[in-house]
Amino acid sequence: LLSVLAAVHVAQWLLRQRRRQLGSTPPGPFAWPLIGNAAAVGQASHLSFARLARRYGDVFQIRLGSCPIVVLNGERAIHQALVQQGSAFADRPPFASFRVISGGRSMAFGHYSEHWKVQRRAAHSTMRNFSTRQLRSRQVLEGHVLSEARELVALLVRGSADGAFLDPRPLTVVAVANVMSAVCFGCRYSHDDPEFRELLSHNEEFGRTVGAGSLVDVMPWLQYFPNPMRTAFREFEQLNRNFSNFVLDKFLRHCESLRPGAAPRDMMDAFILSAEKKAARDSDDG
C-alpha cells in the first residue's frame, strides 16, 4: 500500500513538473516532493521572494507542501491582480486554519460569495455609522481613547521615575487592546484585571501557534501523526474555541441588556441592531 501511495505521489509530482515545463503555470524554482519549496523560503520569506523575483520575474510560482502559491512582486503586478481583477483574487483557499477561526465564518478568511458581500456591506455600514456619522458614537469613541491615553501616560511616567528604564511595549499592547475592547464590547479593564490579562495571554499564544496552522495548511499530513506541529495546531484550535466563547458571552450579555429603541453603546450593540433591522425588512418583504 505504501509503495502504491508513493508511486501515485511521484507520478503527480512528475505531471506537475511537466505542466510547468510546458508553460501552463508561472515559472518558478524546482519543488521537492512532500515539502515543495518550504525549506528554500526559510524564515525571511520577503528576502527569499525578492531573490526569486530577480530570477523568475514579478509573477512566479512556488509550492509549499502540496499547495501551489503564486507570488506577486512589484506595484504593477499587484495592482493588476488585486485592483483590476479584484473579484478573481478575492476568495480564500480551503485551509484548515481558516476553518478553525470563527468556525470558518470569519469575514477575513471566509469564502468570497454573495452572502459574504452582503455581510461585508452590513459590517462596513455599521462600523462607519457607529464610529464617524453619529455625534454620540464619535464622542464615545473619543472618550475611550482619551481615558486610555491618560492612563498610559500616567503608567509610563510612574514606570520611568528616577530615570528607570521602561519597556513601553507591554503597556502599549494593553492600552490598544483596552480601546478595542471598549469600542467593541463597551467595557474597559484595569491593566491588572485577571480576565483581561488572560485574554491578552491568549493573544500572545495565538501569535505563537498561528505558524503551526500555516504549516498544517500546506502540509495537511502533519495532522495525522504525533509531531510538534500537530500539538501546536491543536493548541491553536483550543485558543480559537476560548476566544469564540469569550465573544459569545459578551454577545449574550448584550442581548439581555440592550433596550429596544436605545442608541448603541458599542459596536456589539450596533451589529445586533443592524441584524434586527435586516431581519425585520426581510420579514416585511416576505
C-alpha atoms as a PDB file:
ATOM      1  CA  LEU A   1       0.000   0.000   0.000  1.00  0.00           C
ATOM      2  CA  LEU A   2       2.791   2.422   0.895  1.00  0.00           C
ATOM      3  CA  SER A   3       4.522   1.639  -2.393  1.00  0.00           C
ATOM      4  CA  VAL A   4       1.335   2.415  -4.328  1.00  0.00           C
ATOM      5  CA  LEU A   5       0.827   5.705  -2.484  1.00  0.00           C
ATOM      6  CA  ALA A   6       4.441   6.694  -3.077  1.00  0.00           C
ATOM      7  CA  ALA A   7       4.138   5.845  -6.775  1.00  0.00           C
ATOM      8  CA  VAL A   8       0.956   7.910  -7.118  1.00  0.00           C
ATOM      9  CA  HIS A   9       2.569  10.869  -5.366  1.00  0.00           C
ATOM     10  CA  VAL A  10       5.675  10.717  -7.553  1.00  0.00           C
ATOM     11  CA  ALA A  11       3.501  10.458 -10.675  1.00  0.00           C
ATOM     12  CA  GLN A  12       1.519  13.532  -9.653  1.00  0.00           C
ATOM     13  CA  TRP A  13       4.733  15.392  -8.928  1.00  0.00           C
ATOM     14  CA  LEU A  14       6.213  14.485 -12.325  1.00  0.00           C
ATOM     15  CA  LEU A  15       2.983  15.578 -14.024  1.00  0.00           C
ATOM     16  CA  ARG A  16       3.134  18.959 -12.285  1.00  0.00           C
ATOM     17  CA  GLN A  17       6.736  19.407 -13.337  1.00  0.00           C
ATOM     18  CA  ARG A  18       5.796  18.501 -16.916  1.00  0.00           C
ATOM     19  CA  ARG A  19       2.953  21.030 -16.994  1.00  0.00           C
ATOM     20  CA  ARG A  20       5.248  23.722 -15.645  1.00  0.00           C
ATOM     21  CA  GLN A  21       7.766  22.997 -18.381  1.00  0.00           C
ATOM     22  CA  LEU A  22       5.012  23.336 -20.993  1.00  0.00           C
ATOM     23  CA  GLY A  23       4.261  26.838 -19.738  1.00  0.00           C
ATOM     24  CA  SER A  24       0.782  26.256 -18.274  1.00  0.00           C
ATOM     25  CA  THR A  25       1.844  27.725 -14.916  1.00  0.00           C
ATOM     26  CA  PRO A  26       4.052  30.670 -13.923  1.00  0.00           C
ATOM     27  CA  PRO A  27       7.790  29.961 -13.792  1.00  0.00           C
ATOM     28  CA  GLY A  28       9.421  29.097 -10.519  1.00  0.00           C
ATOM     29  CA  PRO A  29      12.061  27.047  -8.729  1.00  0.00           C
ATOM     30  CA  PHE A  30      12.235  23.270  -8.583  1.00  0.00           C
ATOM     31  CA  ALA A  31       9.854  21.908  -5.909  1.00  0.00           C
ATOM     32  CA  TRP A  32      10.701  18.818  -3.878  1.00  0.00           C
ATOM     33  CA  PRO A  33       8.101  16.124  -3.155  1.00  0.00           C
ATOM     34  CA  LEU A  34       6.155  16.499   0.127  1.00  0.00           C
ATOM     35  CA  ILE A  35       7.768  19.769   1.263  1.00  0.00           C
ATOM     36  CA  GLY A  36       7.854  21.706  -2.019  1.00  0.00           C
ATOM     37  CA  ASN A  37       9.923  24.892  -1.616  1.00  0.00           C
ATOM     38  CA  ALA A  38       9.322  25.293   2.127  1.00  0.00           C
ATOM     39  CA  ALA A  39      12.971  24.751   3.029  1.00  0.00           C
ATOM     40  CA  ALA A  40      14.168  27.303   0.462  1.00  0.00           C
ATOM     41  CA  VAL A  41      11.786  30.048   1.630  1.00  0.00           C
ATOM     42  CA  GLY A  42      13.028  29.973   5.232  1.00  0.00           C
ATOM     43  CA  GLN A  43      12.181  32.471   7.970  1.00  0.00           C
ATOM     44  CA  ALA A  44      12.916  35.666   5.994  1.00  0.00           C
ATOM     45  CA  SER A  45      10.364  34.941   3.265  1.00  0.00           C
ATOM     46  CA  HIS A  46      10.378  38.520   1.929  1.00  0.00           C
ATOM     47  CA  LEU A  47      14.081  38.268   1.161  1.00  0.00           C
ATOM     48  CA  SER A  48      13.642  34.855  -0.461  1.00  0.00           C
ATOM     49  CA  PHE A  49      10.802  36.166  -2.628  1.00  0.00           C
ATOM     50  CA  ALA A  50      12.836  39.210  -3.687  1.00  0.00           C
ATOM     51  CA  ARG A  51      15.697  36.921  -4.691  1.00  0.00           C
ATOM     52  CA  LEU A  52      13.357  34.631  -6.666  1.00  0.00           C
ATOM     53  CA  ALA A  53      11.724  37.637  -8.368  1.00  0.00           C
ATOM     54  CA  ARG A  54      15.088  38.708  -9.735  1.00  0.00           C
ATOM     55  CA  ARG A  55      15.412  35.304 -11.370  1.00  0.00           C
ATOM     56  CA  TYR A  56      11.836  34.460 -12.416  1.00  0.00           C
ATOM     57  CA  GLY A  57      10.152  37.854 -12.766  1.00  0.00           C
ATOM     58  CA  ASP A  58       7.426  39.664 -10.849  1.00  0.00           C
ATOM     59  CA  VAL A  59       4.991  36.722 -11.117  1.00  0.00           C
ATOM     60  CA  PHE A  60       6.283  33.281 -10.191  1.00  0.00           C
ATOM     61  CA  GLN A  61       5.067  30.111  -8.509  1.00  0.00           C
ATOM     62  CA  ILE A  62       6.387  28.078  -5.621  1.00  0.00           C
ATOM     63  CA  ARG A  63       4.959  25.096  -3.771  1.00  0.00           C
ATOM     64  CA  LEU A  64       4.619  24.935  -0.021  1.00  0.00           C
ATOM     65  CA  GLY A  65       3.996  21.297   0.720  1.00  0.00           C
ATOM     66  CA  SER A  66       1.273  20.237  -1.707  1.00  0.00           C
ATOM     67  CA  CYS A  67      -0.096  23.762  -2.186  1.00  0.00           C
ATOM     68  CA  PRO A  68       0.816  25.870  -5.238  1.00  0.00           C
ATOM     69  CA  ILE A  69       1.449  29.524  -4.338  1.00  0.00           C
ATOM     70  CA  VAL A  70       1.623  32.326  -6.910  1.00  0.00           C
ATOM     71  CA  VAL A  71       3.813  35.165  -5.623  1.00  0.00           C
ATOM     72  CA  LEU A  72       3.354  38.724  -6.911  1.00  0.00           C
ATOM     73  CA  ASN A  73       6.135  41.307  -6.772  1.00  0.00           C
ATOM     74  CA  GLY A  74       6.098  44.891  -7.925  1.00  0.00           C
ATOM     75  CA  GLU A  75       3.378  47.529  -7.918  1.00  0.00           C
ATOM     76  CA  ARG A  76       2.205  46.805 -11.467  1.00  0.00           C
ATOM     77  CA  ALA A  77       1.593  43.072 -10.948  1.00  0.00           C
ATOM     78  CA  ILE A  78      -0.080  43.598  -7.580  1.00  0.00           C
ATOM     79  CA  HIS A  79      -2.311  46.402  -8.913  1.00  0.00           C
ATOM     80  CA  GLN A  80      -3.378  44.307 -11.887  1.00  0.00           C
ATOM     81  CA  ALA A  81      -4.289  41.339  -9.688  1.00  0.00           C
ATOM     82  CA  LEU A  82      -5.855  42.963  -6.633  1.00  0.00           C
ATOM     83  CA  VAL A  83      -7.423  46.083  -8.208  1.00  0.00           C
ATOM     84  CA  GLN A  84      -8.112  45.413 -11.873  1.00  0.00           C
ATOM     85  CA  GLN A  85      -9.062  41.767 -11.246  1.00  0.00           C
ATOM     86  CA  GLY A  86     -10.041  42.060  -7.596  1.00  0.00           C
ATOM     87  CA  SER A  87     -13.019  39.683  -7.704  1.00  0.00           C
ATOM     88  CA  ALA A  88     -10.899  36.930  -9.269  1.00  0.00           C
ATOM     89  CA  PHE A  89      -8.469  37.097  -6.344  1.00  0.00           C
ATOM     90  CA  ALA A  90     -10.969  37.798  -3.544  1.00  0.00           C
ATOM     91  CA  ASP A  91     -11.597  34.209  -2.432  1.00  0.00           C
ATOM     92  CA  ARG A  92      -9.706  32.306   0.242  1.00  0.00           C
ATOM     93  CA  PRO A  93      -8.193  28.831  -0.058  1.00  0.00           C
ATOM     94  CA  PRO A  94      -9.826  25.976   1.902  1.00  0.00           C
ATOM     95  CA  PHE A  95      -7.110  25.950   4.557  1.00  0.00           C
ATOM     96  CA  ALA A  96      -7.574  24.023   7.800  1.00  0.00           C
ATOM     97  CA  SER A  97      -6.641  27.060   9.903  1.00  0.00           C
ATOM     98  CA  PHE A  98      -9.292  29.200   8.154  1.00  0.00           C
ATOM     99  CA  ARG A  99     -11.966  26.649   9.105  1.00  0.00           C
ATOM    100  CA  VAL A 100     -10.840  26.858  12.726  1.00  0.00           C
ATOM    101  CA  ILE A 101     -11.092  30.667  13.020  1.00  0.00           C
ATOM    102  CA  SER A 102     -14.702  31.576  13.899  1.00  0.00           C
ATOM    103  CA  GLY A 103     -15.860  28.184  12.684  1.00  0.00           C
ATOM    104  CA  GLY A 104     -14.998  29.107   9.101  1.00  0.00           C
ATOM    105  CA  ARG A 105     -17.414  32.070   9.148  1.00  0.00           C
ATOM    106  CA  SER A 106     -14.822  34.806   9.634  1.00  0.00           C
ATOM    107  CA  MET A 107     -15.140  37.732   7.236  1.00  0.00           C
ATOM    108  CA  ALA A 108     -11.373  37.925   6.932  1.00  0.00           C
ATOM    109  CA  PHE A 109     -10.959  34.261   5.970  1.00  0.00           C
ATOM    110  CA  GLY A 110     -14.400  33.249   4.664  1.00  0.00           C
ATOM    111  CA  HIS A 111     -15.218  32.256   1.089  1.00  0.00           C
ATOM    112  CA  TYR A 112     -15.988  35.063  -1.353  1.00  0.00           C
ATOM    113  CA  SER A 113     -19.682  34.783  -2.230  1.00  0.00           C
ATOM    114  CA  GLU A 114     -22.876  36.845  -2.477  1.00  0.00           C
ATOM    115  CA  HIS A 115     -23.580  36.087   1.184  1.00  0.00           C
ATOM    116  CA  TRP A 116     -20.083  37.267   2.124  1.00  0.00           C
ATOM    117  CA  LYS A 117     -20.560  40.507   0.152  1.00  0.00           C
ATOM    118  CA  VAL A 118     -23.844  41.216   1.937  1.00  0.00           C
ATOM    119  CA  GLN A 119     -22.163  40.627   5.303  1.00  0.00           C
ATOM    120  CA  ARG A 120     -19.258  42.896   4.372  1.00  0.00           C
ATOM    121  CA  ARG A 121     -21.551  45.741   3.295  1.00  0.00           C
ATOM    122  CA  ALA A 122     -23.537  45.441   6.518  1.00  0.00           C
ATOM    123  CA  ALA A 123     -20.378  45.375   8.643  1.00  0.00           C
ATOM    124  CA  HIS A 124     -18.848  48.339   6.813  1.00  0.00           C
ATOM    125  CA  SER A 125     -22.030  50.393   7.109  1.00  0.00           C
ATOM    126  CA  THR A 126     -22.430  49.578  10.803  1.00  0.00           C
ATOM    127  CA  MET A 127     -18.832  50.424  11.645  1.00  0.00           C
ATOM    128  CA  ARG A 128     -18.973  53.685   9.703  1.00  0.00           C
ATOM    129  CA  ASN A 129     -22.260  54.741  11.288  1.00  0.00           C
ATOM    130  CA  PHE A 130     -21.081  53.959  14.793  1.00  0.00           C
ATOM    131  CA  SER A 131     -17.607  55.440  14.557  1.00  0.00           C
ATOM    132  CA  THR A 132     -17.987  58.579  12.432  1.00  0.00           C
ATOM    133  CA  ARG A 133     -21.509  59.530  11.404  1.00  0.00           C
ATOM    134  CA  GLN A 134     -23.268  59.816  14.748  1.00  0.00           C
ATOM    135  CA  LEU A 135     -22.099  62.530  17.126  1.00  0.00           C
ATOM    136  CA  ARG A 136     -22.754  60.419  20.222  1.00  0.00           C
ATOM    137  CA  SER A 137     -20.793  57.495  18.780  1.00  0.00           C
ATOM    138  CA  ARG A 138     -17.850  59.741  17.968  1.00  0.00           C
ATOM    139  CA  GLN A 139     -17.926  61.133  21.489  1.00  0.00           C
ATOM    140  CA  VAL A 140     -17.972  57.618  22.957  1.00  0.00           C
ATOM    141  CA  LEU A 141     -15.004  56.602  20.799  1.00  0.00           C
ATOM    142  CA  GLU A 142     -13.062  59.758  21.650  1.00  0.00           C
ATOM    143  CA  GLY A 143     -13.806  59.254  25.346  1.00  0.00           C
ATOM    144  CA  HIS A 144     -12.405  55.714  25.290  1.00  0.00           C
ATOM    145  CA  VAL A 145      -9.232  56.836  23.517  1.00  0.00           C
ATOM    146  CA  LEU A 146      -8.743  59.828  25.828  1.00  0.00           C
ATOM    147  CA  SER A 147      -9.222  57.793  29.024  1.00  0.00           C
ATOM    148  CA  GLU A 148      -6.790  55.128  27.902  1.00  0.00           C
ATOM    149  CA  ALA A 149      -4.231  57.706  26.744  1.00  0.00           C
ATOM    150  CA  ARG A 150      -4.309  59.391  30.148  1.00  0.00           C
ATOM    151  CA  GLU A 151      -3.746  56.124  31.983  1.00  0.00           C
ATOM    152  CA  LEU A 152      -0.992  55.089  29.580  1.00  0.00           C
ATOM    153  CA  VAL A 153       0.866  58.369  30.116  1.00  0.00           C
ATOM    154  CA  ALA A 154       0.495  58.043  33.894  1.00  0.00           C
ATOM    155  CA  LEU A 155       1.872  54.491  33.842  1.00  0.00           C
ATOM    156  CA  LEU A 156       4.780  55.490  31.613  1.00  0.00           C
ATOM    157  CA  VAL A 157       5.670  58.402  33.900  1.00  0.00           C
ATOM    158  CA  ARG A 158       5.412  56.221  37.002  1.00  0.00           C
ATOM    159  CA  GLY A 159       7.431  53.383  35.472  1.00  0.00           C
ATOM    160  CA  SER A 160      10.244  55.658  34.300  1.00  0.00           C
ATOM    161  CA  ALA A 161      10.513  57.654  37.527  1.00  0.00           C
ATOM    162  CA  ASP A 162      14.025  58.417  38.768  1.00  0.00           C
ATOM    163  CA  GLY A 163      15.479  57.624  35.354  1.00  0.00           C
ATOM    164  CA  ALA A 164      14.432  53.959  35.404  1.00  0.00           C
ATOM    165  CA  PHE A 165      14.441  52.119  32.093  1.00  0.00           C
ATOM    166  CA  LEU A 166      10.995  51.016  30.923  1.00  0.00           C
ATOM    167  CA  ASP A 167       9.894  48.754  28.081  1.00  0.00           C
ATOM    168  CA  PRO A 168       6.757  50.509  26.754  1.00  0.00           C
ATOM    169  CA  ARG A 169       5.577  47.584  24.629  1.00  0.00           C
ATOM    170  CA  PRO A 170       3.514  45.689  27.268  1.00  0.00           C
ATOM    171  CA  LEU A 171       1.758  48.875  28.378  1.00  0.00           C
ATOM    172  CA  THR A 172       1.084  49.897  24.778  1.00  0.00           C
ATOM    173  CA  VAL A 173      -0.345  46.472  23.914  1.00  0.00           C
ATOM    174  CA  VAL A 174      -2.704  46.662  26.894  1.00  0.00           C
ATOM    175  CA  ALA A 175      -3.746  50.223  26.007  1.00  0.00           C
ATOM    176  CA  VAL A 176      -4.562  49.362  22.390  1.00  0.00           C
ATOM    177  CA  ALA A 177      -6.427  46.200  23.416  1.00  0.00           C
ATOM    178  CA  ASN A 178      -8.374  48.180  26.004  1.00  0.00           C
ATOM    179  CA  VAL A 179      -9.547  50.720  23.422  1.00  0.00           C
ATOM    180  CA  MET A 180     -10.605  47.883  21.118  1.00  0.00           C
ATOM    181  CA  SER A 181     -12.458  46.172  23.970  1.00  0.00           C
ATOM    182  CA  ALA A 182     -14.230  49.397  24.925  1.00  0.00           C
ATOM    183  CA  VAL A 183     -15.295  50.112  21.343  1.00  0.00           C
ATOM    184  CA  CYS A 184     -16.385  46.529  20.596  1.00  0.00           C
ATOM    185  CA  PHE A 185     -17.874  45.447  23.923  1.00  0.00           C
ATOM    186  CA  GLY A 186     -18.374  48.686  25.864  1.00  0.00           C
ATOM    187  CA  CYS A 187     -16.149  47.637  28.754  1.00  0.00           C
ATOM    188  CA  ARG A 188     -12.737  48.851  29.743  1.00  0.00           C
ATOM    189  CA  TYR A 189     -10.480  46.837  32.043  1.00  0.00           C
ATOM    190  CA  SER A 190      -7.846  47.865  34.525  1.00  0.00           C
ATOM    191  CA  HIS A 191      -4.351  46.847  33.473  1.00  0.00           C
ATOM    192  CA  ASP A 192      -4.277  44.226  36.259  1.00  0.00           C
ATOM    193  CA  ASP A 193      -7.712  42.684  35.615  1.00  0.00           C
ATOM    194  CA  PRO A 194      -7.397  38.831  35.620  1.00  0.00           C
ATOM    195  CA  GLU A 195      -9.895  38.277  32.774  1.00  0.00           C
ATOM    196  CA  PHE A 196      -8.207  40.880  30.620  1.00  0.00           C
ATOM    197  CA  ARG A 197      -4.705  39.576  31.324  1.00  0.00           C
ATOM    198  CA  GLU A 198      -5.832  36.062  30.420  1.00  0.00           C
ATOM    199  CA  LEU A 199      -7.305  37.327  27.148  1.00  0.00           C
ATOM    200  CA  LEU A 200      -4.049  39.089  26.302  1.00  0.00           C
ATOM    201  CA  SER A 201      -2.064  35.949  27.096  1.00  0.00           C
ATOM    202  CA  HIS A 202      -4.293  34.071  24.637  1.00  0.00           C
ATOM    203  CA  ASN A 203      -3.415  36.666  22.015  1.00  0.00           C
ATOM    204  CA  GLU A 204       0.297  36.060  22.603  1.00  0.00           C
ATOM    205  CA  GLU A 205      -0.212  32.293  22.397  1.00  0.00           C
ATOM    206  CA  PHE A 206      -2.227  32.787  19.197  1.00  0.00           C
ATOM    207  CA  GLY A 207       0.742  34.548  17.618  1.00  0.00           C
ATOM    208  CA  ARG A 208       2.995  31.701  18.712  1.00  0.00           C
ATOM    209  CA  THR A 209       0.784  28.910  17.368  1.00  0.00           C
ATOM    210  CA  VAL A 210      -0.540  30.518  14.173  1.00  0.00           C
ATOM    211  CA  GLY A 211       2.636  29.440  12.387  1.00  0.00           C
ATOM    212  CA  ALA A 212       1.693  25.826  13.057  1.00  0.00           C
ATOM    213  CA  GLY A 213      -1.655  26.480  11.386  1.00  0.00           C
ATOM    214  CA  SER A 214       0.144  27.794   8.323  1.00  0.00           C
ATOM    215  CA  LEU A 215       2.290  24.675   8.076  1.00  0.00           C
ATOM    216  CA  VAL A 216      -0.677  22.339   8.517  1.00  0.00           C
ATOM    217  CA  ASP A 217      -2.498  24.278   5.785  1.00  0.00           C
ATOM    218  CA  VAL A 218       0.101  23.390   3.168  1.00  0.00           C
ATOM    219  CA  MET A 219       1.216  20.071   4.666  1.00  0.00           C
ATOM    220  CA  PRO A 220      -2.067  18.538   5.902  1.00  0.00           C
ATOM    221  CA  TRP A 221      -0.391  15.190   6.502  1.00  0.00           C
ATOM    222  CA  LEU A 222       1.199  16.749   9.616  1.00  0.00           C
ATOM    223  CA  GLN A 223      -2.180  16.317  11.362  1.00  0.00           C
ATOM    224  CA  TYR A 224      -2.108  12.539  11.189  1.00  0.00           C
ATOM    225  CA  PHE A 225       0.883  11.524  13.310  1.00  0.00           C
ATOM    226  CA  PRO A 226       2.456  12.830  16.546  1.00  0.00           C
ATOM    227  CA  ASN A 227       4.757  15.795  15.922  1.00  0.00           C
ATOM    228  CA  PRO A 228       5.313  19.305  17.351  1.00  0.00           C
ATOM    229  CA  MET A 229       3.257  20.944  14.576  1.00  0.00           C
ATOM    230  CA  ARG A 230       0.197  18.821  15.335  1.00  0.00           C
ATOM    231  CA  THR A 231       0.492  19.673  19.039  1.00  0.00           C
ATOM    232  CA  ALA A 232       0.779  23.395  18.282  1.00  0.00           C
ATOM    233  CA  PHE A 233      -2.138  23.233  15.826  1.00  0.00           C
ATOM    234  CA  ARG A 234      -4.360  21.646  18.481  1.00  0.00           C
ATOM    235  CA  GLU A 235      -3.398  24.465  20.847  1.00  0.00           C
ATOM    236  CA  PHE A 236      -4.345  26.879  18.045  1.00  0.00           C
ATOM    237  CA  GLU A 237      -7.771  25.205  17.805  1.00  0.00           C
ATOM    238  CA  GLN A 238      -8.305  25.460  21.575  1.00  0.00           C
ATOM    239  CA  LEU A 239      -7.349  29.151  21.625  1.00  0.00           C
ATOM    240  CA  ASN A 240      -9.923  29.869  18.936  1.00  0.00           C
ATOM    241  CA  ARG A 241     -12.589  27.993  20.898  1.00  0.00           C
ATOM    242  CA  ASN A 242     -11.729  30.019  24.002  1.00  0.00           C
ATOM    243  CA  PHE A 243     -11.964  33.313  22.126  1.00  0.00           C
ATOM    244  CA  SER A 244     -15.250  32.312  20.463  1.00  0.00           C
ATOM    245  CA  ASN A 245     -16.688  31.516  23.900  1.00  0.00           C
ATOM    246  CA  PHE A 246     -15.482  34.907  25.183  1.00  0.00           C
ATOM    247  CA  VAL A 247     -17.221  36.759  22.331  1.00  0.00           C
ATOM    248  CA  LEU A 248     -20.364  34.627  22.687  1.00  0.00           C
ATOM    249  CA  ASP A 249     -20.577  35.519  26.385  1.00  0.00           C
ATOM    250  CA  LYS A 250     -20.338  39.238  25.532  1.00  0.00           C
ATOM    251  CA  PHE A 251     -22.992  38.815  22.842  1.00  0.00           C
ATOM    252  CA  LEU A 252     -25.479  37.095  25.166  1.00  0.00           C
ATOM    253  CA  ARG A 253     -24.983  39.758  27.829  1.00  0.00           C
ATOM    254  CA  HIS A 254     -25.594  42.490  25.268  1.00  0.00           C
ATOM    255  CA  CYS A 255     -28.775  40.792  24.041  1.00  0.00           C
ATOM    256  CA  GLU A 256     -30.085  40.713  27.619  1.00  0.00           C
ATOM    257  CA  SER A 257     -29.217  44.328  28.474  1.00  0.00           C
ATOM    258  CA  LEU A 258     -29.947  46.103  25.170  1.00  0.00           C
ATOM    259  CA  ARG A 259     -33.150  48.114  25.432  1.00  0.00           C
ATOM    260  CA  PRO A 260     -35.448  48.427  22.383  1.00  0.00           C
ATOM    261  CA  GLY A 261     -35.010  51.778  20.666  1.00  0.00           C
ATOM    262  CA  ALA A 262     -31.891  52.677  22.650  1.00  0.00           C
ATOM    263  CA  ALA A 263     -28.813  54.114  20.973  1.00  0.00           C
ATOM    264  CA  PRO A 264     -25.967  51.620  20.534  1.00  0.00           C
ATOM    265  CA  ARG A 265     -23.482  51.652  23.385  1.00  0.00           C
ATOM    266  CA  ASP A 266     -20.732  49.952  21.395  1.00  0.00           C
ATOM    267  CA  MET A 267     -20.045  48.005  18.214  1.00  0.00           C
ATOM    268  CA  MET A 268     -21.699  44.874  19.566  1.00  0.00           C
ATOM    269  CA  ASP A 269     -24.950  46.795  20.107  1.00  0.00           C
ATOM    270  CA  ALA A 270     -24.651  48.348  16.653  1.00  0.00           C
ATOM    271  CA  PHE A 271     -24.323  44.954  14.967  1.00  0.00           C
ATOM    272  CA  ILE A 272     -27.221  43.478  16.950  1.00  0.00           C
ATOM    273  CA  LEU A 273     -29.484  46.402  15.996  1.00  0.00           C
ATOM    274  CA  SER A 274     -28.373  46.178  12.365  1.00  0.00           C
ATOM    275  CA  ALA A 275     -29.166  42.448  12.262  1.00  0.00           C
ATOM    276  CA  GLU A 276     -32.583  43.047  13.847  1.00  0.00           C
ATOM    277  CA  LYS A 277     -33.424  45.748  11.289  1.00  0.00           C
ATOM    278  CA  LYS A 278     -32.399  43.486   8.415  1.00  0.00           C
ATOM    279  CA  ALA A 279     -34.478  40.624   9.822  1.00  0.00           C
ATOM    280  CA  ALA A 280     -37.490  42.957  10.105  1.00  0.00           C
ATOM    281  CA  ARG A 281     -37.072  44.141   6.490  1.00  0.00           C
ATOM    282  CA  ASP A 282     -36.753  40.574   5.235  1.00  0.00           C
ATOM    283  CA  SER A 283     -39.897  39.634   7.171  1.00  0.00           C
ATOM    284  CA  ASP A 284     -41.841  42.543   5.643  1.00  0.00           C
ATOM    285  CA  ASP A 285     -40.635  41.664   2.143  1.00  0.00           C
ATOM    286  CA  GLY A 286     -41.622  38.051   2.661  1.00  0.00           C
END
